[in-house]
Protein backbone atom coordinates (compact mmCIF):
# COMPACT_ATOMS: atom_id res chain seq x y z
CA MET A 1 56.29 11.87 -21.41
CA ARG A 2 53.46 11.44 -23.88
CA VAL A 3 49.72 11.73 -23.38
CA LYS A 4 47.25 10.21 -25.80
CA LEU A 5 43.60 11.26 -25.72
CA GLU A 6 40.98 9.18 -27.51
CA ARG A 7 37.39 10.37 -27.72
CA SER A 8 34.52 8.12 -28.75
CA GLY A 9 30.76 8.17 -28.47
CA GLY A 10 28.51 11.10 -29.12
CA PHE A 11 25.56 11.12 -31.48
CA ALA A 12 27.57 10.08 -34.56
CA ASN A 13 30.17 8.02 -32.62
CA VAL A 14 33.01 9.78 -34.45
CA ARG A 15 36.33 8.74 -32.93
CA ARG A 16 39.09 11.26 -32.46
CA SER A 17 42.62 10.78 -31.19
CA VAL A 18 45.39 13.23 -30.30
CA THR A 19 48.84 12.64 -28.84
CA VAL A 20 50.91 15.30 -27.11
CA ASP A 21 54.60 14.69 -26.45
CA ALA A 22 56.00 16.90 -23.69
CA ALA A 23 59.46 16.74 -25.27
CA ALA A 24 58.11 18.48 -28.38
CA LEU A 25 56.50 21.33 -26.41
CA ALA A 26 58.00 24.64 -25.38
CA PRO A 27 59.29 24.37 -21.79
CA ASP A 28 56.48 26.48 -20.32
CA ARG A 29 53.85 24.37 -22.13
CA ALA A 30 55.48 21.16 -20.87
CA VAL A 31 55.26 22.48 -17.30
CA GLU A 32 51.62 23.41 -17.91
CA LEU A 33 50.91 19.86 -19.11
CA ARG A 34 52.58 18.35 -16.03
CA ASP A 35 50.56 20.65 -13.76
CA LEU A 36 47.29 19.71 -15.49
CA LEU A 37 48.14 16.02 -15.20
CA ALA A 38 48.90 16.37 -11.49
CA ALA A 39 45.64 18.24 -10.88
CA ALA A 40 43.59 15.70 -12.86
CA GLY A 41 44.69 12.84 -10.59
CA LEU A 42 44.78 10.15 -13.26
CA ASP A 43 46.39 7.75 -10.80
CA THR A 44 43.20 7.76 -8.70
CA LEU A 45 40.84 6.86 -11.57
CA PRO A 46 39.86 3.29 -12.48
CA GLU A 47 41.10 1.97 -15.79
CA ASP A 48 37.62 1.00 -16.98
CA PRO A 49 34.77 2.43 -14.91
CA PRO A 50 31.40 0.68 -15.14
CA PRO A 51 29.11 2.05 -17.86
CA ARG A 52 26.39 4.44 -16.81
CA PRO A 53 22.96 3.47 -18.08
CA GLY A 54 20.81 6.07 -19.80
CA HIS A 55 23.63 8.10 -21.39
CA PRO A 56 24.20 6.54 -24.83
CA ASP A 57 25.23 9.74 -26.65
CA ARG A 58 27.84 10.98 -24.18
CA PHE A 59 31.49 11.19 -25.11
CA VAL A 60 33.89 8.76 -23.49
CA TYR A 61 37.52 9.78 -23.11
CA ARG A 62 40.44 7.39 -22.78
CA LEU A 63 43.69 8.95 -21.62
CA THR A 64 46.97 7.08 -21.82
CA LEU A 65 50.01 8.49 -20.05
CA GLU A 66 53.40 7.12 -21.10
CA ASP A 67 56.44 8.10 -19.04
CA GLU A 68 59.57 6.58 -17.53
CA ALA A 69 57.39 4.53 -15.14
CA GLY A 70 55.51 2.87 -18.04
CA ALA A 71 52.04 3.40 -19.44
CA ARG A 72 48.71 3.82 -17.70
CA SER A 73 45.29 4.27 -19.29
CA VAL A 74 42.03 5.45 -17.77
CA SER A 75 38.57 6.04 -19.20
CA VAL A 76 35.98 8.57 -18.13
CA SER A 77 32.67 9.74 -19.55
CA GLU A 78 32.05 13.41 -20.16
CA ASP A 79 29.35 13.60 -17.50
CA THR A 80 31.54 12.14 -14.75
CA ALA A 81 34.83 13.91 -15.52
CA SER A 82 36.04 16.20 -12.75
CA GLU A 83 36.69 19.87 -13.47
CA PRO A 84 40.51 19.40 -13.48
CA LEU A 85 40.16 16.43 -15.82
CA ARG A 86 37.97 18.46 -18.19
CA HIS A 87 40.64 21.19 -18.20
CA LEU A 88 43.25 18.59 -19.17
CA ILE A 89 41.04 17.20 -21.96
CA ASP A 90 40.33 20.68 -23.32
CA TRP A 91 44.03 21.60 -23.14
CA LEU A 92 45.06 18.43 -25.02
CA GLN A 93 42.47 19.01 -27.73
CA GLY A 94 43.46 22.68 -28.05
CA THR A 95 47.17 21.87 -28.23
CA ALA A 96 46.62 19.32 -30.96
CA GLU A 97 44.58 21.83 -33.00
CA SER A 98 47.22 24.56 -32.85
């Protein structure tokens, strides 16, 4: 299973992308990733939600999950992301930085 996180937007519109492969993680970190994915409920989010007017400098996150079932991508803006989804985003960014 692989998860790709792409961030765009913000004041300077600097794009950032990280990919985390569960197979390359320590077993406890792979379980943590699976738990965060389950809590985030990616399967309930629309692939491309309608844009929200009045928020031009917000970050937009696109998450792509690739597993044995195929690939699925969803997008969410920073101001509409649920708490579990924000935890997942933070975890992915932190894992890529370490």
